Amino acid sequence: MNEQIERLSISVAAEKMNTTPLNVLMHIKRNLLQAVEEDGLWMIDGQSLEALLARTGGGKDRDACASDCAKKHACSGGCS
């Protein structure tokens, strides 16, 4: 069976996430979203996006925030 994977452009993913295309790229970089580059454009895996939205309720991913906080503040309690 040959299933077609739904892929979304960064701008469509950003709209669904209520964020900016740059933030979507950062989610890809942090492996929070699965994506492939096709002809110079990043295409987001639709299931990956739906899973992220379900996990975060459309807000920020707490794991990513905690990870970034630890890098910035070296666990000094600088983030809430």
C-alpha atoms as a PDB file:
ATOM      1  CA  MET A   1       0.000   0.000   0.000  1.00  0.00           C
ATOM      2  CA  ASN A   2       1.442   3.366  -1.029  1.00  0.00           C
ATOM      3  CA  GLU A   3       0.308   6.022   1.445  1.00  0.00           C
ATOM      4  CA  GLN A   4       0.813   9.667   0.555  1.00  0.00           C
ATOM      5  CA  ILE A   5       2.319  11.726   3.380  1.00  0.00           C
ATOM      6  CA  GLU A   6       0.617  15.086   3.841  1.00  0.00           C
ATOM      7  CA  ARG A   7       3.211  17.841   3.692  1.00  0.00           C
ATOM      8  CA  LEU A   8       2.599  21.471   4.489  1.00  0.00           C
ATOM      9  CA  SER A   9       4.558  24.574   3.605  1.00  0.00           C
ATOM     10  CA  ILE A  10       6.192  26.543   6.390  1.00  0.00           C
ATOM     11  CA  SER A  11       3.691  29.370   5.961  1.00  0.00           C
ATOM     12  CA  VAL A  12       0.718  27.006   6.303  1.00  0.00           C
ATOM     13  CA  ALA A  13       2.298  25.329   9.349  1.00  0.00           C
ATOM     14  CA  ALA A  14       2.978  28.752  10.894  1.00  0.00           C
ATOM     15  CA  GLU A  15      -0.660  29.722  10.407  1.00  0.00           C
ATOM     16  CA  LYS A  16      -1.878  26.487  12.026  1.00  0.00           C
ATOM     17  CA  MET A  17       0.537  27.051  14.927  1.00  0.00           C
ATOM     18  CA  ASN A  18      -0.396  30.738  15.192  1.00  0.00           C
ATOM     19  CA  THR A  19       3.269  31.698  14.932  1.00  0.00           C
ATOM     20  CA  THR A  20       5.869  32.889  12.442  1.00  0.00           C
ATOM     21  CA  PRO A  21       7.625  30.927   9.697  1.00  0.00           C
ATOM     22  CA  LEU A  22      10.935  31.550  11.501  1.00  0.00           C
ATOM     23  CA  ASN A  23       9.553  29.878  14.631  1.00  0.00           C
ATOM     24  CA  VAL A  24       8.501  26.882  12.522  1.00  0.00           C
ATOM     25  CA  LEU A  25      12.074  26.641  11.213  1.00  0.00           C
ATOM     26  CA  MET A  26      13.339  26.668  14.795  1.00  0.00           C
ATOM     27  CA  HIS A  27      10.953  23.816  15.638  1.00  0.00           C
ATOM     28  CA  ILE A  28      12.429  21.858  12.720  1.00  0.00           C
ATOM     29  CA  LYS A  29      15.974  22.600  13.912  1.00  0.00           C
ATOM     30  CA  ARG A  30      15.106  21.378  17.433  1.00  0.00           C
ATOM     31  CA  ASN A  31      13.537  18.198  15.982  1.00  0.00           C
ATOM     32  CA  LEU A  32      10.139  19.167  17.362  1.00  0.00           C
ATOM     33  CA  LEU A  33       8.725  19.003  13.825  1.00  0.00           C
ATOM     34  CA  GLN A  34       9.629  16.536  11.109  1.00  0.00           C
ATOM     35  CA  ALA A  35      10.248  18.107   7.716  1.00  0.00           C
ATOM     36  CA  VAL A  36      12.019  17.543   4.421  1.00  0.00           C
ATOM     37  CA  GLU A  37      13.569  20.022   2.052  1.00  0.00           C
ATOM     38  CA  GLU A  38      12.102  19.815  -1.445  1.00  0.00           C
ATOM     39  CA  ASP A  39      13.454  22.047  -4.198  1.00  0.00           C
ATOM     40  CA  GLY A  40      14.860  24.479  -1.622  1.00  0.00           C
ATOM     41  CA  LEU A  41      11.620  24.699   0.398  1.00  0.00           C
ATOM     42  CA  TRP A  42      10.957  23.058   3.743  1.00  0.00           C
ATOM     43  CA  MET A  43       7.825  20.918   3.835  1.00  0.00           C
ATOM     44  CA  ILE A  44       6.461  19.901   7.223  1.00  0.00           C
ATOM     45  CA  ASP A  45       5.064  16.434   7.855  1.00  0.00           C
ATOM     46  CA  GLY A  46       1.361  16.919   8.602  1.00  0.00           C
ATOM     47  CA  GLN A  47       1.259  14.165  11.240  1.00  0.00           C
ATOM     48  CA  SER A  48       4.259  15.677  13.006  1.00  0.00           C
ATOM     49  CA  LEU A  49       2.503  19.044  13.146  1.00  0.00           C
ATOM     50  CA  GLU A  50      -0.734  17.524  14.434  1.00  0.00           C
ATOM     51  CA  ALA A  51       1.185  15.618  17.127  1.00  0.00           C
ATOM     52  CA  LEU A  52       2.964  18.804  18.233  1.00  0.00           C
ATOM     53  CA  LEU A  53      -0.290  20.745  18.379  1.00  0.00           C
ATOM     54  CA  ALA A  54      -1.967  17.946  20.357  1.00  0.00           C
ATOM     55  CA  ARG A  55       0.950  17.782  22.812  1.00  0.00           C
ATOM     56  CA  THR A  56       1.183  21.526  23.342  1.00  0.00           C
ATOM     57  CA  GLY A  57      -2.420  22.581  22.867  1.00  0.00           C
ATOM     58  CA  GLY A  58      -1.131  25.078  20.326  1.00  0.00           C
ATOM     59  CA  GLY A  59       1.218  26.751  22.812  1.00  0.00           C
ATOM     60  CA  LYS A  60       4.940  26.422  23.344  1.00  0.00           C
ATOM     61  CA  ASP A  61       6.438  23.000  23.881  1.00  0.00           C
ATOM     62  CA  ARG A  62       7.462  22.986  27.558  1.00  0.00           C
ATOM     63  CA  ASP A  63      10.280  20.497  26.907  1.00  0.00           C
ATOM     64  CA  ALA A  64      11.803  22.811  24.302  1.00  0.00           C
ATOM     65  CA  CYS A  65      11.440  25.815  26.603  1.00  0.00           C
ATOM     66  CA  ALA A  66      13.062  23.962  29.489  1.00  0.00           C
ATOM     67  CA  SER A  67      15.895  22.806  27.257  1.00  0.00           C
ATOM     68  CA  ASP A  68      16.518  26.315  25.957  1.00  0.00           C
ATOM     69  CA  CYS A  69      16.316  27.737  29.472  1.00  0.00           C
ATOM     70  CA  ALA A  70      18.942  25.325  30.758  1.00  0.00           C
ATOM     71  CA  LYS A  71      21.274  26.345  27.922  1.00  0.00           C
ATOM     72  CA  LYS A  72      20.777  30.051  28.584  1.00  0.00           C
ATOM     73  CA  HIS A  73      20.745  30.084  32.380  1.00  0.00           C
ATOM     74  CA  ALA A  74      22.717  26.949  33.311  1.00  0.00           C
ATOM     75  CA  CYS A  75      19.919  25.929  35.687  1.00  0.00           C
ATOM     76  CA  SER A  76      20.183  29.134  37.685  1.00  0.00           C
ATOM     77  CA  GLY A  77      16.414  29.395  37.892  1.00  0.00           C
ATOM     78  CA  GLY A  78      16.217  32.149  35.313  1.00  0.00           C
ATOM     79  CA  CYS A  79      13.111  30.762  33.575  1.00  0.00           C
ATOM     80  CA  SER A  80       9.686  30.029  34.897  1.00  0.00           C
END
